C-alpha atoms as a PDB file:
ATOM      1  CA  UNK A   1       0.008  -0.041  -0.004  1.00  0.00           C
ATOM      2  CA  UNK A   2       1.525   3.240  -1.155  1.00  0.00           C
ATOM      3  CA  UNK A   3       0.528   6.568   0.358  1.00  0.00           C
ATOM      4  CA  UNK A   4       1.242   9.905  -1.219  1.00  0.00           C
ATOM      5  CA  UNK A   5       3.600  12.259   0.598  1.00  0.00           C
ATOM      6  CA  UNK A   6       2.128  15.768   0.766  1.00  0.00           C
ATOM      7  CA  UNK A   7       5.045  18.193   1.389  1.00  0.00           C
ATOM      8  CA  UNK A   8       4.295  21.401   3.139  1.00  0.00           C
ATOM      9  CA  UNK A   9       6.728  23.287   0.810  1.00  0.00           C
ATOM     10  CA  UNK A  10       8.919  22.928  -2.308  1.00  0.00           C
ATOM     11  CA  UNK A  11      12.425  23.968  -3.195  1.00  0.00           C
ATOM     12  CA  UNK A  12      14.051  24.001  -6.611  1.00  0.00           C
ATOM     13  CA  UNK A  13      17.131  21.791  -6.911  1.00  0.00           C
ATOM     14  CA  UNK A  14      19.284  24.959  -7.711  1.00  0.00           C
ATOM     15  CA  UNK A  15      18.179  26.659  -4.481  1.00  0.00           C
ATOM     16  CA  UNK A  16      18.826  23.391  -2.559  1.00  0.00           C
ATOM     17  CA  UNK A  17      22.381  23.119  -3.845  1.00  0.00           C
ATOM     18  CA  UNK A  18      23.003  26.833  -3.120  1.00  0.00           C
ATOM     19  CA  UNK A  19      21.558  26.796   0.438  1.00  0.00           C
ATOM     20  CA  UNK A  20      21.739  23.119   1.349  1.00  0.00           C
ATOM     21  CA  UNK A  21      23.035  23.660   4.957  1.00  0.00           C
ATOM     22  CA  UNK A  22      20.426  26.198   5.881  1.00  0.00           C
ATOM     23  CA  UNK A  23      17.537  24.209   4.368  1.00  0.00           C
ATOM     24  CA  UNK A  24      18.581  20.972   6.138  1.00  0.00           C
ATOM     25  CA  UNK A  25      19.120  22.744   9.365  1.00  0.00           C
ATOM     26  CA  UNK A  26      15.724  24.554   9.293  1.00  0.00           C
ATOM     27  CA  UNK A  27      13.604  21.906   7.815  1.00  0.00           C
ATOM     28  CA  UNK A  28      10.815  20.661  10.181  1.00  0.00           C
ATOM     29  CA  UNK A  29       8.493  19.136   7.629  1.00  0.00           C
ATOM     30  CA  UNK A  30       8.781  17.201   4.355  1.00  0.00           C
ATOM     31  CA  UNK A  31      10.023  19.431   1.417  1.00  0.00           C
ATOM     32  CA  UNK A  32       9.590  18.405  -2.255  1.00  0.00           C
ATOM     33  CA  UNK A  33      12.628  19.022  -4.330  1.00  0.00           C
ATOM     34  CA  UNK A  34      11.799  20.246  -7.882  1.00  0.00           C
ATOM     35  CA  UNK A  35      13.490  20.196 -11.190  1.00  0.00           C
ATOM     36  CA  UNK A  36      11.735  21.507 -14.267  1.00  0.00           C
ATOM     37  CA  UNK A  37       8.524  21.652 -12.158  1.00  0.00           C
ATOM     38  CA  UNK A  38       8.622  17.950 -11.366  1.00  0.00           C
ATOM     39  CA  UNK A  39       9.235  16.307  -7.995  1.00  0.00           C
ATOM     40  CA  UNK A  40      12.647  14.579  -8.104  1.00  0.00           C
ATOM     41  CA  UNK A  41      13.163  13.981  -4.428  1.00  0.00           C
ATOM     42  CA  UNK A  42      11.974  14.629  -0.889  1.00  0.00           C
ATOM     43  CA  UNK A  43      13.869  16.300   1.920  1.00  0.00           C
ATOM     44  CA  UNK A  44      12.534  14.528   5.031  1.00  0.00           C
ATOM     45  CA  UNK A  45      13.443  15.398   8.682  1.00  0.00           C
ATOM     46  CA  UNK A  46      15.462  12.769  10.419  1.00  0.00           C
ATOM     47  CA  UNK A  47      12.721  12.057  13.070  1.00  0.00           C
ATOM     48  CA  UNK A  48      10.125  11.609  10.271  1.00  0.00           C
ATOM     49  CA  UNK A  49      12.565   9.258   8.410  1.00  0.00           C
ATOM     50  CA  UNK A  50      13.275   7.221  11.612  1.00  0.00           C
ATOM     51  CA  UNK A  51       9.450   6.846  12.113  1.00  0.00           C
ATOM     52  CA  UNK A  52       9.044   5.707   8.572  1.00  0.00           C
ATOM     53  CA  UNK A  53      11.727   3.073   8.887  1.00  0.00           C
ATOM     54  CA  UNK A  54      10.206   1.748  12.214  1.00  0.00           C
ATOM     55  CA  UNK A  55       6.869   1.528  10.485  1.00  0.00           C
ATOM     56  CA  UNK A  56       8.367  -0.265   7.563  1.00  0.00           C
ATOM     57  CA  UNK A  57      10.161  -2.817   9.862  1.00  0.00           C
ATOM     58  CA  UNK A  58       6.756  -3.397  11.684  1.00  0.00           C
ATOM     59  CA  UNK A  59       5.039  -4.064   8.333  1.00  0.00           C
ATOM     60  CA  UNK A  60       7.825  -6.526   7.361  1.00  0.00           C
ATOM     61  CA  UNK A  61       7.300  -8.384  10.737  1.00  0.00           C
ATOM     62  CA  UNK A  62       3.510  -8.451  10.158  1.00  0.00           C
ATOM     63  CA  UNK A  63       3.962  -9.898   6.768  1.00  0.00           C
ATOM     64  CA  UNK A  64       6.321 -12.575   8.095  1.00  0.00           C
ATOM     65  CA  UNK A  65       3.820 -13.514  10.789  1.00  0.00           C
ATOM     66  CA  UNK A  66       1.086 -13.833   8.197  1.00  0.00           C
ATOM     67  CA  UNK A  67       3.256 -16.133   6.033  1.00  0.00           C
ATOM     68  CA  UNK A  68       4.116 -18.297   9.018  1.00  0.00           C
ATOM     69  CA  UNK A  69       0.666 -18.523  10.344  1.00  0.00           C
ATOM     70  CA  UNK A  70      -0.483 -20.934   7.729  1.00  0.00           C
ATOM     71  CA  UNK A  71       2.404 -23.334   8.245  1.00  0.00           C
ATOM     72  CA  UNK A  72       2.652 -26.682   9.902  1.00  0.00           C
ATOM     73  CA  UNK A  73       2.554 -26.516  13.817  1.00  0.00           C
ATOM     74  CA  UNK A  74       4.187 -28.918  16.243  1.00  0.00           C
ATOM     75  CA  UNK A  75       3.067 -29.275  19.804  1.00  0.00           C
ATOM     76  CA  UNK A  76       5.949 -29.132  22.335  1.00  0.00           C
ATOM     77  CA  UNK A  77       6.204 -28.883  26.060  1.00  0.00           C
ATOM     78  CA  UNK A  78       8.716 -26.899  28.120  1.00  0.00           C
ATOM     79  CA  UNK A  79      10.283 -30.155  29.277  1.00  0.00           C
ATOM     80  CA  UNK A  80      11.478 -30.720  25.700  1.00  0.00           C
ATOM     81  CA  UNK A  81      13.746 -27.712  26.236  1.00  0.00           C
ATOM     82  CA  UNK A  82      15.309 -28.554  29.510  1.00  0.00           C
ATOM     83  CA  UNK A  83      18.905 -29.674  29.661  1.00  0.00           C
ATOM     84  CA  UNK A  84      19.549 -33.291  30.275  1.00  0.00           C
ATOM     85  CA  UNK A  85      22.770 -34.058  32.248  1.00  0.00           C
END
């Protein structure tokens, strides 16, 4: 499932290259980077990116659980895992 990213502002690639440090330091929301009036990239704050990666990992785990749920199950007891001396 893909959701659109709706940036609060835009910046032209030329302005980004000229004022990169200032833009990166002051960006608190997603910014679309434009070239010839087309979005070519997004400038995303670090906290937003970290949240996106965490959500992505959660979705990967959910998919893994769904795949494994339909598999064969084996009944075991805790005694099966105790060490025998």
